[in-house]
N, C-alpha and C. Protein backbone atom coordinates (compact mmCIF):
# COMPACT_ATOMS: atom_id res chain seq x y z
N MET A 1 20.67 3.25 17.08
CA MET A 1 20.45 4.00 15.84
C MET A 1 19.36 5.03 16.05
N ALA A 2 19.60 6.26 15.60
CA ALA A 2 18.61 7.30 15.77
C ALA A 2 17.37 6.99 14.95
N GLU A 3 16.21 7.35 15.50
CA GLU A 3 14.96 7.10 14.80
C GLU A 3 14.89 8.00 13.57
N ARG A 4 14.50 7.42 12.44
CA ARG A 4 14.39 8.19 11.21
C ARG A 4 12.98 8.71 11.07
N ILE A 5 12.84 9.99 10.76
CA ILE A 5 11.53 10.59 10.58
C ILE A 5 11.53 11.39 9.28
N LEU A 6 10.35 11.52 8.69
CA LEU A 6 10.21 12.34 7.50
C LEU A 6 10.26 13.81 7.89
N LYS A 7 10.72 14.64 6.99
CA LYS A 7 10.69 16.08 7.22
C LYS A 7 9.23 16.52 7.34
N ALA A 8 9.04 17.65 8.04
CA ALA A 8 7.68 18.16 8.22
C ALA A 8 7.01 18.42 6.87
N GLU A 9 7.77 18.94 5.90
CA GLU A 9 7.23 19.22 4.57
C GLU A 9 8.18 18.61 3.53
N PRO A 10 8.10 17.31 3.30
CA PRO A 10 9.01 16.67 2.33
C PRO A 10 8.82 17.24 0.93
N ASP A 11 9.89 17.21 0.16
CA ASP A 11 9.84 17.64 -1.24
C ASP A 11 9.37 16.46 -2.07
N TRP A 12 8.06 16.27 -2.14
CA TRP A 12 7.54 15.10 -2.84
C TRP A 12 7.78 15.19 -4.34
N PHE A 13 7.74 16.39 -4.90
CA PHE A 13 8.03 16.53 -6.33
C PHE A 13 9.46 16.11 -6.62
N GLY A 14 10.39 16.61 -5.82
CA GLY A 14 11.80 16.26 -6.03
C GLY A 14 12.04 14.78 -5.82
N ALA A 15 11.40 14.21 -4.80
CA ALA A 15 11.58 12.79 -4.53
C ALA A 15 11.00 11.95 -5.66
N ALA A 16 9.83 12.33 -6.15
CA ALA A 16 9.21 11.59 -7.26
C ALA A 16 10.07 11.69 -8.52
N GLN A 17 10.62 12.88 -8.77
CA GLN A 17 11.48 13.07 -9.93
C GLN A 17 12.72 12.20 -9.83
N ALA A 18 13.32 12.13 -8.63
CA ALA A 18 14.51 11.31 -8.45
C ALA A 18 14.20 9.84 -8.66
N LEU A 19 13.04 9.39 -8.19
CA LEU A 19 12.66 8.00 -8.39
C LEU A 19 12.46 7.71 -9.88
N VAL A 20 11.78 8.59 -10.58
CA VAL A 20 11.54 8.38 -12.01
C VAL A 20 12.86 8.35 -12.77
N GLU A 21 13.77 9.24 -12.42
CA GLU A 21 15.07 9.26 -13.09
C GLU A 21 15.84 7.96 -12.82
N GLY A 22 15.70 7.43 -11.60
CA GLY A 22 16.33 6.16 -11.28
C GLY A 22 15.75 5.02 -12.10
N LEU A 23 14.43 5.03 -12.28
CA LEU A 23 13.79 4.00 -13.10
C LEU A 23 14.20 4.12 -14.56
N GLN A 24 14.25 5.35 -15.05
CA GLN A 24 14.61 5.57 -16.46
C GLN A 24 16.05 5.16 -16.75
N ALA A 25 16.91 5.22 -15.73
CA ALA A 25 18.32 4.88 -15.93
C ALA A 25 18.55 3.39 -16.06
N GLN A 26 17.54 2.59 -15.72
CA GLN A 26 17.70 1.13 -15.78
C GLN A 26 17.14 0.60 -17.10
N PRO A 27 17.90 -0.20 -17.84
CA PRO A 27 17.44 -0.68 -19.15
C PRO A 27 16.50 -1.89 -19.05
N THR A 28 16.40 -2.51 -17.89
CA THR A 28 15.57 -3.71 -17.76
C THR A 28 14.52 -3.52 -16.67
N LEU A 29 13.45 -4.31 -16.77
CA LEU A 29 12.41 -4.25 -15.75
C LEU A 29 12.93 -4.71 -14.39
N ASP A 30 13.76 -5.75 -14.39
CA ASP A 30 14.31 -6.21 -13.12
C ASP A 30 15.18 -5.14 -12.48
N GLY A 31 15.91 -4.39 -13.30
CA GLY A 31 16.70 -3.29 -12.77
C GLY A 31 15.82 -2.22 -12.15
N ARG A 32 14.66 -1.98 -12.74
CA ARG A 32 13.74 -0.98 -12.18
C ARG A 32 13.12 -1.47 -10.88
N VAL A 33 12.88 -2.77 -10.78
CA VAL A 33 12.42 -3.31 -9.51
C VAL A 33 13.49 -3.13 -8.44
N ASP A 34 14.76 -3.31 -8.83
CA ASP A 34 15.86 -3.07 -7.90
C ASP A 34 15.80 -1.65 -7.34
N VAL A 35 15.49 -0.68 -8.20
CA VAL A 35 15.39 0.71 -7.76
C VAL A 35 14.28 0.87 -6.74
N LEU A 36 13.10 0.30 -7.02
CA LEU A 36 11.99 0.39 -6.08
C LEU A 36 12.35 -0.25 -4.75
N GLU A 37 12.97 -1.40 -4.81
CA GLU A 37 13.35 -2.09 -3.57
C GLU A 37 14.35 -1.28 -2.77
N ARG A 38 15.31 -0.67 -3.47
CA ARG A 38 16.34 0.10 -2.78
C ARG A 38 15.74 1.33 -2.10
N VAL A 39 14.83 2.01 -2.78
CA VAL A 39 14.19 3.18 -2.18
C VAL A 39 13.38 2.77 -0.95
N CYS A 40 12.63 1.69 -1.07
CA CYS A 40 11.84 1.20 0.05
C CYS A 40 12.73 0.81 1.22
N LEU A 41 13.82 0.11 0.93
CA LEU A 41 14.75 -0.31 1.97
C LEU A 41 15.41 0.88 2.64
N ASP A 42 15.76 1.89 1.86
CA ASP A 42 16.40 3.08 2.43
C ASP A 42 15.47 3.82 3.39
N LEU A 43 14.18 3.83 3.07
CA LEU A 43 13.22 4.47 3.96
C LEU A 43 13.06 3.67 5.25
N GLY A 44 13.03 2.36 5.14
CA GLY A 44 12.87 1.51 6.31
C GLY A 44 11.40 1.28 6.64
N GLU A 45 11.15 0.29 7.49
CA GLU A 45 9.78 -0.10 7.80
C GLU A 45 8.99 1.01 8.49
N ALA A 46 9.63 1.72 9.40
CA ALA A 46 8.89 2.76 10.13
C ALA A 46 8.44 3.89 9.22
N LEU A 47 9.12 4.08 8.09
CA LEU A 47 8.77 5.14 7.15
C LEU A 47 8.09 4.60 5.90
N TYR A 48 7.53 3.39 5.98
CA TYR A 48 6.85 2.84 4.82
C TYR A 48 5.70 3.72 4.34
N PRO A 49 4.99 4.44 5.23
CA PRO A 49 3.99 5.38 4.70
C PRO A 49 4.59 6.37 3.70
N GLY A 50 5.86 6.72 3.90
CA GLY A 50 6.54 7.61 2.96
C GLY A 50 6.72 6.98 1.60
N PHE A 51 6.92 5.66 1.55
CA PHE A 51 7.05 4.99 0.26
C PHE A 51 5.72 5.01 -0.48
N ALA A 52 4.62 4.76 0.24
CA ALA A 52 3.30 4.83 -0.38
C ALA A 52 3.03 6.25 -0.91
N LYS A 53 3.41 7.25 -0.11
CA LYS A 53 3.21 8.64 -0.55
C LYS A 53 4.09 8.96 -1.76
N LEU A 54 5.27 8.37 -1.82
CA LEU A 54 6.16 8.61 -2.96
C LEU A 54 5.54 8.07 -4.25
N LEU A 55 4.98 6.87 -4.19
CA LEU A 55 4.29 6.34 -5.37
C LEU A 55 3.12 7.22 -5.75
N ALA A 56 2.39 7.72 -4.74
CA ALA A 56 1.28 8.62 -5.02
C ALA A 56 1.78 9.89 -5.70
N ALA A 57 2.94 10.38 -5.28
CA ALA A 57 3.51 11.59 -5.87
C ALA A 57 3.91 11.36 -7.33
N VAL A 58 4.40 10.16 -7.63
CA VAL A 58 4.74 9.85 -9.03
C VAL A 58 3.49 9.95 -9.89
N ASP A 59 2.36 9.46 -9.39
CA ASP A 59 1.12 9.55 -10.15
C ASP A 59 0.65 11.00 -10.25
N HIS A 60 0.75 11.72 -9.14
CA HIS A 60 0.25 13.10 -9.11
C HIS A 60 1.02 14.01 -10.05
N PHE A 61 2.33 13.89 -10.05
CA PHE A 61 3.17 14.80 -10.84
C PHE A 61 3.51 14.25 -12.23
N GLY A 62 3.36 12.95 -12.42
CA GLY A 62 3.83 12.35 -13.66
C GLY A 62 2.83 12.42 -14.80
N ASP A 63 3.36 12.42 -16.02
CA ASP A 63 2.50 12.33 -17.20
C ASP A 63 2.23 10.85 -17.50
N ARG A 64 1.53 10.59 -18.58
CA ARG A 64 1.15 9.22 -18.91
C ARG A 64 2.37 8.31 -19.05
N GLU A 65 3.40 8.81 -19.71
CA GLU A 65 4.60 7.99 -19.92
C GLU A 65 5.26 7.62 -18.60
N VAL A 66 5.31 8.57 -17.67
CA VAL A 66 5.91 8.32 -16.36
C VAL A 66 5.08 7.30 -15.59
N LYS A 67 3.77 7.43 -15.65
CA LYS A 67 2.91 6.49 -14.94
C LYS A 67 3.09 5.06 -15.48
N VAL A 68 3.18 4.92 -16.79
CA VAL A 68 3.39 3.60 -17.38
C VAL A 68 4.74 3.03 -16.93
N LEU A 69 5.76 3.88 -16.87
CA LEU A 69 7.08 3.44 -16.40
C LEU A 69 6.99 2.87 -15.00
N GLY A 70 6.34 3.60 -14.10
CA GLY A 70 6.20 3.12 -12.73
C GLY A 70 5.33 1.88 -12.64
N ALA A 71 4.22 1.87 -13.37
CA ALA A 71 3.30 0.74 -13.31
C ALA A 71 3.95 -0.54 -13.87
N ASP A 72 4.71 -0.41 -14.94
CA ASP A 72 5.39 -1.59 -15.50
C ASP A 72 6.40 -2.16 -14.51
N ALA A 73 7.09 -1.27 -13.79
CA ALA A 73 8.03 -1.75 -12.78
C ALA A 73 7.29 -2.48 -11.66
N LEU A 74 6.13 -1.96 -11.25
CA LEU A 74 5.35 -2.62 -10.21
C LEU A 74 4.79 -3.95 -10.71
N ALA A 75 4.42 -4.02 -12.00
CA ALA A 75 3.96 -5.29 -12.56
C ALA A 75 5.05 -6.34 -12.49
N GLN A 76 6.27 -5.94 -12.85
CA GLN A 76 7.39 -6.89 -12.77
C GLN A 76 7.66 -7.30 -11.33
N ALA A 77 7.52 -6.36 -10.41
CA ALA A 77 7.71 -6.68 -9.00
C ALA A 77 6.67 -7.70 -8.53
N LEU A 78 5.44 -7.54 -8.98
CA LEU A 78 4.40 -8.51 -8.63
C LEU A 78 4.67 -9.86 -9.27
N MET A 79 5.10 -9.86 -10.53
CA MET A 79 5.38 -11.11 -11.24
C MET A 79 6.49 -11.91 -10.58
N THR A 80 7.46 -11.20 -9.99
CA THR A 80 8.63 -11.86 -9.42
C THR A 80 8.59 -11.91 -7.89
N ALA A 81 7.41 -11.63 -7.31
CA ALA A 81 7.23 -11.65 -5.85
C ALA A 81 8.23 -10.72 -5.15
N ARG A 82 8.44 -9.54 -5.75
CA ARG A 82 9.38 -8.58 -5.18
C ARG A 82 8.71 -7.23 -4.93
N LEU A 83 7.40 -7.22 -4.75
CA LEU A 83 6.70 -5.97 -4.48
C LEU A 83 7.26 -5.35 -3.21
N PRO A 84 7.78 -4.10 -3.28
CA PRO A 84 8.32 -3.47 -2.07
C PRO A 84 7.26 -3.41 -0.98
N SER A 85 7.56 -4.02 0.14
CA SER A 85 6.58 -4.22 1.20
C SER A 85 7.17 -3.83 2.55
N THR A 86 6.29 -3.73 3.52
CA THR A 86 6.71 -3.63 4.91
C THR A 86 6.11 -4.81 5.64
N ARG A 87 6.43 -4.93 6.91
CA ARG A 87 5.88 -6.03 7.70
C ARG A 87 5.04 -5.45 8.83
N LEU A 88 3.84 -6.00 8.98
CA LEU A 88 2.93 -5.60 10.04
C LEU A 88 2.63 -6.81 10.90
N PRO A 89 2.39 -6.60 12.19
CA PRO A 89 2.10 -7.74 13.06
C PRO A 89 0.78 -8.40 12.71
N ALA A 90 0.76 -9.71 12.79
CA ALA A 90 -0.51 -10.42 12.67
C ALA A 90 -1.40 -10.03 13.84
N TRP A 91 -2.70 -10.23 13.68
CA TRP A 91 -3.61 -9.85 14.76
C TRP A 91 -3.22 -10.61 16.03
N GLY A 92 -3.11 -9.86 17.14
CA GLY A 92 -2.76 -10.46 18.42
C GLY A 92 -1.28 -10.61 18.65
N ALA A 93 -0.45 -10.16 17.69
CA ALA A 93 1.00 -10.35 17.82
C ALA A 93 1.72 -9.16 18.42
N GLY A 94 1.00 -8.09 18.74
CA GLY A 94 1.65 -6.93 19.34
C GLY A 94 1.58 -5.73 18.43
N GLY A 95 2.26 -4.67 18.84
CA GLY A 95 2.17 -3.39 18.14
C GLY A 95 3.19 -3.22 17.05
N PHE A 96 2.95 -2.21 16.22
CA PHE A 96 3.83 -1.93 15.10
C PHE A 96 5.22 -1.54 15.56
N ALA A 97 5.33 -0.85 16.69
CA ALA A 97 6.64 -0.38 17.15
C ALA A 97 7.60 -1.52 17.41
N GLY A 98 7.08 -2.71 17.73
CA GLY A 98 7.96 -3.83 18.02
C GLY A 98 8.60 -4.46 16.81
N LEU A 99 8.23 -4.02 15.62
CA LEU A 99 8.74 -4.68 14.41
C LEU A 99 10.21 -4.42 14.19
N GLY A 100 10.73 -3.37 14.79
CA GLY A 100 12.14 -3.07 14.59
C GLY A 100 13.05 -3.93 15.44
N LEU A 101 12.50 -4.78 16.28
CA LEU A 101 13.29 -5.58 17.21
C LEU A 101 13.38 -7.02 16.74
N ASP A 102 14.45 -7.68 17.10
CA ASP A 102 14.54 -9.11 16.85
C ASP A 102 13.70 -9.83 17.88
N GLY A 103 13.20 -10.99 17.55
CA GLY A 103 12.43 -11.73 18.53
C GLY A 103 11.15 -12.27 17.94
N PRO A 104 10.21 -12.70 18.82
CA PRO A 104 9.01 -13.39 18.35
C PRO A 104 8.09 -12.54 17.51
N LEU A 105 8.09 -11.21 17.72
CA LEU A 105 7.20 -10.39 16.91
C LEU A 105 7.55 -10.47 15.43
N ARG A 106 8.82 -10.64 15.15
CA ARG A 106 9.25 -10.72 13.75
C ARG A 106 8.62 -11.92 13.05
N THR A 107 8.54 -13.06 13.75
CA THR A 107 7.98 -14.26 13.14
C THR A 107 6.46 -14.18 13.06
N ASN A 108 5.82 -13.27 13.83
CA ASN A 108 4.38 -13.12 13.81
C ASN A 108 3.95 -11.92 12.98
N SER A 109 4.78 -11.51 12.05
CA SER A 109 4.45 -10.38 11.20
C SER A 109 4.25 -10.85 9.77
N ARG A 110 3.59 -10.00 8.98
CA ARG A 110 3.23 -10.35 7.61
C ARG A 110 3.67 -9.25 6.64
N ASN A 111 4.06 -9.65 5.43
CA ASN A 111 4.39 -8.68 4.40
C ASN A 111 3.13 -8.01 3.88
N VAL A 112 3.22 -6.72 3.62
CA VAL A 112 2.07 -5.99 3.12
C VAL A 112 2.55 -4.93 2.13
N GLY A 113 1.90 -4.89 0.94
CA GLY A 113 2.24 -3.93 -0.08
C GLY A 113 1.54 -2.60 0.15
N PRO A 114 1.79 -1.60 -0.72
CA PRO A 114 1.30 -0.25 -0.44
C PRO A 114 -0.21 -0.10 -0.36
N LEU A 115 -0.96 -0.75 -1.25
CA LEU A 115 -2.41 -0.60 -1.19
C LEU A 115 -3.00 -1.32 0.02
N GLU A 116 -2.51 -2.53 0.30
CA GLU A 116 -2.99 -3.25 1.47
C GLU A 116 -2.63 -2.49 2.74
N PHE A 117 -1.43 -1.88 2.74
CA PHE A 117 -1.00 -1.10 3.89
C PHE A 117 -2.00 0.03 4.17
N LEU A 118 -2.44 0.72 3.12
CA LEU A 118 -3.41 1.79 3.31
C LEU A 118 -4.72 1.27 3.91
N CYS A 119 -5.16 0.11 3.44
CA CYS A 119 -6.40 -0.47 3.96
C CYS A 119 -6.26 -0.83 5.43
N VAL A 120 -5.13 -1.42 5.80
CA VAL A 120 -4.90 -1.78 7.20
C VAL A 120 -4.75 -0.51 8.04
N TRP A 121 -4.01 0.46 7.53
CA TRP A 121 -3.78 1.71 8.26
C TRP A 121 -5.10 2.44 8.52
N LEU A 122 -6.05 2.28 7.65
CA LEU A 122 -7.34 2.94 7.82
C LEU A 122 -8.06 2.48 9.09
N VAL A 123 -7.77 1.26 9.55
CA VAL A 123 -8.50 0.72 10.70
C VAL A 123 -7.60 0.25 11.84
N ARG A 124 -6.28 0.25 11.64
CA ARG A 124 -5.37 -0.21 12.68
C ARG A 124 -4.31 0.84 12.97
N ASP A 125 -3.79 0.82 14.18
CA ASP A 125 -2.76 1.75 14.60
C ASP A 125 -1.40 1.21 14.15
N VAL A 126 -1.02 1.52 12.91
CA VAL A 126 0.24 1.01 12.37
C VAL A 126 1.23 2.13 12.05
N SER A 127 0.89 3.36 12.45
CA SER A 127 1.79 4.48 12.23
C SER A 127 1.62 5.45 13.38
N ASP A 128 2.43 6.49 13.39
CA ASP A 128 2.37 7.45 14.48
C ASP A 128 1.08 8.25 14.49
N GLU A 129 0.42 8.34 13.36
CA GLU A 129 -0.83 9.07 13.28
C GLU A 129 -1.87 8.24 12.55
N ALA A 130 -3.14 8.50 12.89
CA ALA A 130 -4.23 7.77 12.25
C ALA A 130 -4.39 8.24 10.81
N LEU A 131 -4.94 7.38 9.97
CA LEU A 131 -5.22 7.72 8.57
C LEU A 131 -6.71 8.01 8.46
N SER A 132 -7.05 9.23 8.10
CA SER A 132 -8.46 9.60 7.96
C SER A 132 -9.03 9.01 6.68
N GLY A 133 -10.36 8.95 6.61
CA GLY A 133 -10.99 8.47 5.40
C GLY A 133 -10.65 9.33 4.20
N GLU A 134 -10.59 10.65 4.41
CA GLU A 134 -10.26 11.56 3.31
C GLU A 134 -8.84 11.34 2.80
N ALA A 135 -7.89 11.19 3.75
CA ALA A 135 -6.50 10.95 3.35
C ALA A 135 -6.37 9.61 2.65
N PHE A 136 -7.12 8.60 3.12
CA PHE A 136 -7.09 7.30 2.45
C PHE A 136 -7.57 7.44 1.01
N GLU A 137 -8.68 8.14 0.82
CA GLU A 137 -9.23 8.28 -0.53
C GLU A 137 -8.22 8.94 -1.47
N THR A 138 -7.55 9.97 -0.98
CA THR A 138 -6.57 10.66 -1.81
C THR A 138 -5.43 9.74 -2.20
N ALA A 139 -4.84 9.08 -1.19
CA ALA A 139 -3.68 8.21 -1.45
C ALA A 139 -4.06 7.01 -2.30
N ALA A 140 -5.18 6.36 -1.96
CA ALA A 140 -5.58 5.16 -2.70
C ALA A 140 -5.95 5.50 -4.15
N THR A 141 -6.56 6.67 -4.36
CA THR A 141 -6.88 7.08 -5.73
C THR A 141 -5.62 7.20 -6.57
N TYR A 142 -4.60 7.84 -6.03
CA TYR A 142 -3.35 7.98 -6.76
C TYR A 142 -2.71 6.62 -7.04
N LEU A 143 -2.69 5.74 -6.04
CA LEU A 143 -2.02 4.44 -6.22
C LEU A 143 -2.76 3.57 -7.23
N VAL A 144 -4.08 3.53 -7.14
CA VAL A 144 -4.85 2.74 -8.10
C VAL A 144 -4.67 3.31 -9.51
N ASP A 145 -4.65 4.63 -9.62
CA ASP A 145 -4.46 5.25 -10.93
C ASP A 145 -3.08 4.92 -11.49
N LEU A 146 -2.05 4.98 -10.64
CA LEU A 146 -0.70 4.67 -11.09
C LEU A 146 -0.60 3.22 -11.57
N ILE A 147 -1.07 2.28 -10.76
CA ILE A 147 -0.96 0.88 -11.12
C ILE A 147 -1.79 0.55 -12.35
N SER A 148 -2.93 1.23 -12.51
CA SER A 148 -3.81 0.98 -13.65
C SER A 148 -3.22 1.45 -14.97
N ALA A 149 -2.12 2.23 -14.92
CA ALA A 149 -1.45 2.63 -16.16
C ALA A 149 -0.90 1.42 -16.90
N SER A 150 -0.74 0.30 -16.20
CA SER A 150 -0.36 -0.96 -16.82
C SER A 150 -1.47 -1.97 -16.57
N PRO A 151 -2.23 -2.37 -17.59
CA PRO A 151 -3.29 -3.36 -17.37
C PRO A 151 -2.77 -4.63 -16.71
N ARG A 152 -1.54 -5.03 -17.05
CA ARG A 152 -0.96 -6.22 -16.43
C ARG A 152 -0.76 -6.01 -14.94
N ALA A 153 -0.26 -4.84 -14.56
CA ALA A 153 -0.05 -4.55 -13.14
C ALA A 153 -1.37 -4.54 -12.39
N ALA A 154 -2.40 -3.93 -12.99
CA ALA A 154 -3.71 -3.87 -12.34
C ALA A 154 -4.27 -5.28 -12.14
N ALA A 155 -4.19 -6.13 -13.17
CA ALA A 155 -4.71 -7.49 -13.06
C ALA A 155 -3.95 -8.29 -12.00
N LEU A 156 -2.63 -8.14 -11.98
CA LEU A 156 -1.82 -8.86 -11.01
C LEU A 156 -2.12 -8.39 -9.59
N TYR A 157 -2.32 -7.09 -9.43
CA TYR A 157 -2.58 -6.57 -8.08
C TYR A 157 -3.96 -7.02 -7.60
N VAL A 158 -4.94 -7.00 -8.49
CA VAL A 158 -6.27 -7.49 -8.11
C VAL A 158 -6.19 -8.95 -7.69
N ASP A 159 -5.46 -9.75 -8.44
CA ASP A 159 -5.29 -11.16 -8.09
C ASP A 159 -4.63 -11.31 -6.72
N LYS A 160 -3.64 -10.47 -6.44
CA LYS A 160 -2.96 -10.53 -5.15
C LYS A 160 -3.92 -10.20 -4.02
N LEU A 161 -4.72 -9.15 -4.19
CA LEU A 161 -5.69 -8.76 -3.16
C LEU A 161 -6.69 -9.88 -2.91
N ARG A 162 -7.17 -10.49 -3.98
CA ARG A 162 -8.13 -11.59 -3.83
C ARG A 162 -7.51 -12.78 -3.10
N ALA A 163 -6.26 -13.07 -3.43
CA ALA A 163 -5.56 -14.18 -2.77
C ALA A 163 -5.38 -13.89 -1.29
N ASP A 164 -5.00 -12.66 -0.96
CA ASP A 164 -4.84 -12.29 0.45
C ASP A 164 -6.16 -12.44 1.20
N ALA A 165 -7.24 -11.98 0.57
CA ALA A 165 -8.55 -12.01 1.24
C ALA A 165 -9.06 -13.43 1.45
N SER A 166 -8.68 -14.34 0.57
CA SER A 166 -9.22 -15.70 0.64
C SER A 166 -8.35 -16.65 1.45
N ASP A 167 -7.21 -16.16 1.94
CA ASP A 167 -6.30 -17.04 2.69
C ASP A 167 -6.64 -16.98 4.18
N PRO A 168 -7.26 -18.02 4.73
CA PRO A 168 -7.69 -17.97 6.14
C PRO A 168 -6.53 -18.05 7.12
N THR A 169 -5.36 -18.47 6.67
CA THR A 169 -4.22 -18.62 7.59
C THR A 169 -3.23 -17.48 7.46
N GLU A 170 -3.53 -16.51 6.61
CA GLU A 170 -2.56 -15.45 6.31
C GLU A 170 -2.25 -14.60 7.54
N GLY A 171 -3.26 -14.26 8.35
CA GLY A 171 -3.01 -13.66 9.65
C GLY A 171 -2.98 -12.15 9.71
N LEU A 172 -2.83 -11.48 8.57
CA LEU A 172 -2.75 -10.02 8.61
C LEU A 172 -4.11 -9.39 8.82
N HIS A 173 -5.14 -9.97 8.17
CA HIS A 173 -6.44 -9.31 8.13
C HIS A 173 -7.43 -9.93 9.11
N ASN A 174 -8.21 -9.05 9.74
CA ASN A 174 -9.39 -9.51 10.45
C ASN A 174 -10.57 -9.37 9.49
N ALA A 175 -11.79 -9.59 10.00
CA ALA A 175 -12.96 -9.54 9.11
C ALA A 175 -13.09 -8.18 8.45
N GLN A 176 -12.76 -7.11 9.18
CA GLN A 176 -12.94 -5.77 8.64
C GLN A 176 -11.95 -5.46 7.52
N THR A 177 -10.66 -5.64 7.76
CA THR A 177 -9.70 -5.32 6.70
C THR A 177 -9.81 -6.29 5.53
N ARG A 178 -10.22 -7.53 5.80
CA ARG A 178 -10.46 -8.46 4.70
C ARG A 178 -11.58 -7.94 3.80
N ARG A 179 -12.62 -7.39 4.42
CA ARG A 179 -13.73 -6.84 3.64
C ARG A 179 -13.26 -5.62 2.82
N LEU A 180 -12.37 -4.84 3.38
CA LEU A 180 -11.89 -3.66 2.66
C LEU A 180 -11.09 -4.05 1.42
N ILE A 181 -10.19 -5.03 1.56
CA ILE A 181 -9.41 -5.40 0.38
C ILE A 181 -10.27 -6.15 -0.64
N GLU A 182 -11.30 -6.85 -0.18
CA GLU A 182 -12.22 -7.47 -1.12
C GLU A 182 -12.97 -6.40 -1.91
N THR A 183 -13.43 -5.36 -1.20
CA THR A 183 -14.11 -4.25 -1.87
C THR A 183 -13.20 -3.58 -2.88
N LEU A 184 -11.96 -3.35 -2.48
CA LEU A 184 -10.98 -2.74 -3.37
C LEU A 184 -10.78 -3.58 -4.62
N ALA A 185 -10.59 -4.88 -4.44
CA ALA A 185 -10.34 -5.76 -5.58
C ALA A 185 -11.54 -5.82 -6.52
N GLU A 186 -12.74 -5.97 -5.95
CA GLU A 186 -13.92 -6.16 -6.79
C GLU A 186 -14.28 -4.88 -7.55
N ARG A 187 -14.19 -3.74 -6.89
CA ARG A 187 -14.54 -2.50 -7.59
C ARG A 187 -13.49 -2.15 -8.65
N TRP A 188 -12.25 -2.46 -8.35
CA TRP A 188 -11.17 -2.22 -9.32
C TRP A 188 -11.34 -3.13 -10.53
N ALA A 189 -11.60 -4.42 -10.27
CA ALA A 189 -11.78 -5.38 -11.36
C ALA A 189 -13.01 -5.04 -12.21
N ALA A 190 -14.00 -4.41 -11.60
CA ALA A 190 -15.22 -4.05 -12.33
C ALA A 190 -15.01 -2.85 -13.25
N GLY A 191 -13.85 -2.21 -13.14
CA GLY A 191 -13.55 -1.09 -14.02
C GLY A 191 -13.96 0.26 -13.49
N ASP A 192 -14.27 0.35 -12.20
CA ASP A 192 -14.60 1.66 -11.62
C ASP A 192 -13.39 2.59 -11.69
N ALA A 193 -13.65 3.87 -11.76
CA ALA A 193 -12.58 4.87 -11.76
C ALA A 193 -11.82 4.80 -10.44
N PRO A 194 -10.53 5.13 -10.44
CA PRO A 194 -9.75 5.06 -9.20
C PRO A 194 -10.39 5.78 -8.02
N ALA A 195 -10.92 6.97 -8.23
CA ALA A 195 -11.55 7.71 -7.13
C ALA A 195 -12.77 6.98 -6.60
N GLU A 196 -13.52 6.32 -7.48
CA GLU A 196 -14.70 5.57 -7.04
C GLU A 196 -14.30 4.33 -6.26
N VAL A 197 -13.22 3.68 -6.69
CA VAL A 197 -12.71 2.52 -5.96
C VAL A 197 -12.33 2.93 -4.55
N ALA A 198 -11.54 4.00 -4.43
CA ALA A 198 -11.09 4.46 -3.12
C ALA A 198 -12.26 4.88 -2.25
N ARG A 199 -13.23 5.56 -2.83
CA ARG A 199 -14.39 6.02 -2.06
C ARG A 199 -15.21 4.83 -1.54
N ALA A 200 -15.33 3.78 -2.33
CA ALA A 200 -16.09 2.61 -1.89
C ALA A 200 -15.43 1.96 -0.68
N VAL A 201 -14.10 1.89 -0.69
CA VAL A 201 -13.39 1.30 0.45
C VAL A 201 -13.55 2.18 1.69
N ALA A 202 -13.40 3.49 1.52
CA ALA A 202 -13.54 4.40 2.66
C ALA A 202 -14.94 4.33 3.25
N ARG A 203 -15.94 4.22 2.40
CA ARG A 203 -17.32 4.13 2.89
C ARG A 203 -17.56 2.81 3.61
N ALA A 204 -16.95 1.74 3.12
CA ALA A 204 -17.08 0.45 3.81
C ALA A 204 -16.48 0.52 5.20
N ALA A 205 -15.33 1.19 5.32
CA ALA A 205 -14.69 1.34 6.63
C ALA A 205 -15.55 2.18 7.56
N GLU A 206 -16.13 3.25 7.04
CA GLU A 206 -16.98 4.11 7.86
C GLU A 206 -18.24 3.37 8.30
N ALA A 207 -18.81 2.53 7.42
CA ALA A 207 -19.98 1.74 7.79
C ALA A 207 -19.65 0.79 8.93
N ASP A 208 -18.46 0.19 8.89
CA ASP A 208 -18.05 -0.71 9.96
C ASP A 208 -17.88 0.05 11.28
N ARG A 209 -17.31 1.27 11.19
CA ARG A 209 -17.14 2.06 12.41
C ARG A 209 -18.49 2.43 13.00
N GLY A 210 -19.46 2.75 12.12
CA GLY A 210 -20.80 3.07 12.59
C GLY A 210 -21.45 1.88 13.28
N ALA A 211 -21.29 0.68 12.69
CA ALA A 211 -21.84 -0.51 13.31
C ALA A 211 -21.20 -0.78 14.66
N ALA A 212 -19.88 -0.56 14.75
CA ALA A 212 -19.18 -0.79 16.02
C ALA A 212 -19.66 0.19 17.10
N ARG A 213 -19.93 1.44 16.70
CA ARG A 213 -20.40 2.43 17.68
C ARG A 213 -21.75 2.03 18.26
N TRP A 214 -22.57 1.34 17.46
CA TRP A 214 -23.88 0.88 17.91
C TRP A 214 -23.82 -0.50 18.57
N GLY A 215 -22.61 -1.06 18.63
CA GLY A 215 -22.45 -2.37 19.24
C GLY A 215 -22.97 -3.50 18.40
N LEU A 216 -23.08 -3.28 17.09
CA LEU A 216 -23.57 -4.31 16.18
C LEU A 216 -22.42 -5.18 15.70
N PRO A 217 -22.66 -6.47 15.49
CA PRO A 217 -21.60 -7.34 14.99
C PRO A 217 -21.25 -7.00 13.55
N LEU A 218 -19.97 -7.13 13.21
CA LEU A 218 -19.54 -6.90 11.84
C LEU A 218 -19.71 -8.20 11.06
N ARG A 219 -20.41 -8.14 9.94
CA ARG A 219 -20.67 -9.34 9.15
C ARG A 219 -19.54 -9.59 8.18
């Protein structure tokens, strides 16, 4: 199968509009979750960054009503354990490129949703290009703002992040990414603005990189 790649300049407005129209066409929340799952599945694991960008585009281009529509669908996805996710290798299980193959890497991989994916991408090589702190702040701000359009979605997502961070056997996070999702959850739960939440996570990642450059242990 030929490798699927995003266009150099995707039509994010058109893609976001198509997603919103698909959500609006469904009369039930479960039907809207079906739409999210189908879009994520159509993109595939290698293009999961595109799914995160698509959600960001819905927030960027959408009005309040559109944001609530998307956030309510994500809340239902969280309630029913159907959050559109990709799979990333557990630490020590190999590289992201191996996820498309059958075999042991598949059993050593973990499901990760869009916000957690951004946190992991900030510090791990899980895509063809690195994610800068600035790009993380932009994307995370949009996603937190979108999800926060539904208080239920925001509360459920914060609970999910806390559960991921507190699970010692989960395998996706090392000390650094665990600290990032903890920072994300706590600042979000405290009511910080989306941009402030994203900035706090980016600064935590930069502080860890600075400590690593000096050979200091990460606490």
